[in-house]
């Protein structure tokens, strides 16, 4: 943390599902964004996340991805990689949790 703000260079914490393959109906990937005044606006992140198939959410997490098919950890990591690449340069930190 720098000047009370999250460090944009800090590693992203990924909590993978407990098994390598789970039912897609129950699987969810949640993302919590951490914004700062030097980064992109929250509205800009909504646009990026919508394009990736995430839904906006209220509460502990800002976005949720509801898996529709059988999902393996590789699928989750591929989705997070796409999100990570789409968010580059926005100076927004995030935390990812996947449960299923």
Protein backbone atom coordinates (compact mmCIF):
# COMPACT_ATOMS: atom_id res chain seq x y z
CA UNK A 1 0.00 0.00 0.00
CA UNK A 2 1.27 3.42 -0.96
CA UNK A 3 -0.09 6.62 0.55
CA UNK A 4 -3.07 4.65 1.80
CA UNK A 5 -3.89 3.44 -1.73
CA UNK A 6 -3.65 -0.17 -2.99
CA UNK A 7 -0.49 -0.90 -4.94
CA UNK A 8 -1.47 -1.53 -8.59
CA UNK A 9 1.58 -3.80 -8.90
CA UNK A 10 0.53 -6.14 -6.09
CA UNK A 11 -0.12 -9.71 -7.15
CA UNK A 12 -3.67 -10.72 -7.97
CA UNK A 13 -5.05 -13.30 -5.57
CA UNK A 14 -6.84 -16.16 -7.31
CA UNK A 15 -8.85 -18.69 -5.34
CA UNK A 16 -9.41 -21.60 -7.75
CA UNK A 17 -12.27 -24.06 -7.37
CA UNK A 18 -11.68 -26.91 -4.93
CA UNK A 19 -11.76 -29.52 -7.69
CA UNK A 20 -10.43 -29.55 -11.23
CA UNK A 21 -13.86 -30.12 -12.77
CA UNK A 22 -17.24 -29.09 -11.40
CA UNK A 23 -20.79 -28.61 -12.59
CA UNK A 24 -21.14 -25.38 -14.53
CA UNK A 25 -24.63 -24.73 -13.13
CA UNK A 26 -23.26 -24.10 -9.65
CA UNK A 27 -19.98 -22.47 -10.61
CA UNK A 28 -19.52 -18.72 -10.16
CA UNK A 29 -16.49 -16.45 -10.57
CA UNK A 30 -16.72 -13.26 -8.51
CA UNK A 31 -14.62 -10.13 -8.98
CA UNK A 32 -14.17 -7.30 -6.50
CA UNK A 33 -12.68 -4.12 -7.99
CA UNK A 34 -10.51 -1.66 -6.05
CA UNK A 35 -10.66 1.80 -7.61
CA UNK A 36 -8.54 4.89 -7.03
CA UNK A 37 -8.70 8.46 -8.28
CA UNK A 38 -5.71 7.98 -10.59
CA UNK A 39 -7.33 5.10 -12.48
CA UNK A 40 -10.23 4.56 -14.84
CA UNK A 41 -13.75 5.23 -13.64
CA UNK A 42 -16.01 2.49 -12.32
CA UNK A 43 -18.25 2.97 -15.37
CA UNK A 44 -15.30 2.15 -17.64
CA UNK A 45 -14.76 -1.17 -15.85
CA UNK A 46 -18.45 -2.06 -16.26
CA UNK A 47 -18.08 -1.75 -20.02
CA UNK A 48 -15.03 -4.04 -20.06
CA UNK A 49 -16.62 -6.64 -17.80
CA UNK A 50 -19.90 -6.66 -19.77
CA UNK A 51 -17.98 -7.47 -22.96
CA UNK A 52 -16.42 -10.47 -21.18
CA UNK A 53 -19.80 -11.82 -20.05
CA UNK A 54 -19.74 -10.70 -16.41
CA UNK A 55 -22.86 -9.31 -14.74
CA UNK A 56 -22.76 -6.34 -12.37
CA UNK A 57 -23.52 -7.28 -8.76
CA UNK A 58 -24.27 -5.49 -5.52
CA UNK A 59 -22.70 -6.46 -2.23
CA UNK A 60 -19.29 -7.91 -1.47
CA UNK A 61 -18.44 -8.42 -5.15
CA UNK A 62 -18.82 -6.02 -8.06
CA UNK A 63 -19.16 -8.61 -10.84
CA UNK A 64 -20.15 -12.25 -11.25
CA UNK A 65 -19.59 -14.68 -14.11
CA UNK A 66 -22.12 -17.53 -14.13
CA UNK A 67 -20.65 -20.58 -15.82
CA UNK A 68 -23.13 -22.36 -18.09
CA UNK A 69 -21.12 -25.46 -18.96
CA UNK A 70 -18.84 -27.96 -17.28
CA UNK A 71 -15.88 -25.91 -16.13
CA UNK A 72 -12.29 -26.79 -15.38
CA UNK A 73 -9.63 -24.67 -13.73
CA UNK A 74 -8.12 -23.99 -17.17
CA UNK A 75 -11.40 -22.32 -18.22
CA UNK A 76 -11.39 -20.12 -15.11
CA UNK A 77 -7.76 -19.12 -15.66
CA UNK A 78 -8.46 -18.35 -19.34
CA UNK A 79 -11.34 -16.06 -18.34
CA UNK A 80 -9.21 -14.29 -15.72
CA UNK A 81 -6.42 -13.87 -18.27
CA UNK A 82 -8.85 -12.23 -20.72
CA UNK A 83 -10.08 -9.93 -17.95
CA UNK A 84 -6.54 -9.10 -16.88
CA UNK A 85 -5.52 -8.18 -20.44
CA UNK A 86 -8.66 -6.10 -20.98
CA UNK A 87 -8.03 -4.16 -17.73
CA UNK A 88 -4.37 -3.34 -18.51
CA UNK A 89 -3.62 0.34 -18.25
CA UNK A 90 -6.81 1.12 -16.31
CA UNK A 91 -4.97 1.24 -12.95
CA UNK A 92 -7.72 -0.78 -11.24
CA UNK A 93 -6.82 -3.56 -8.83
CA UNK A 94 -9.08 -6.58 -8.38
CA UNK A 95 -9.61 -9.75 -6.40
CA UNK A 96 -11.03 -12.92 -7.93
CA UNK A 97 -12.87 -15.74 -6.13
CA UNK A 98 -14.33 -18.77 -7.85
CA UNK A 99 -16.74 -21.09 -6.05
CA UNK A 100 -18.60 -24.11 -7.21
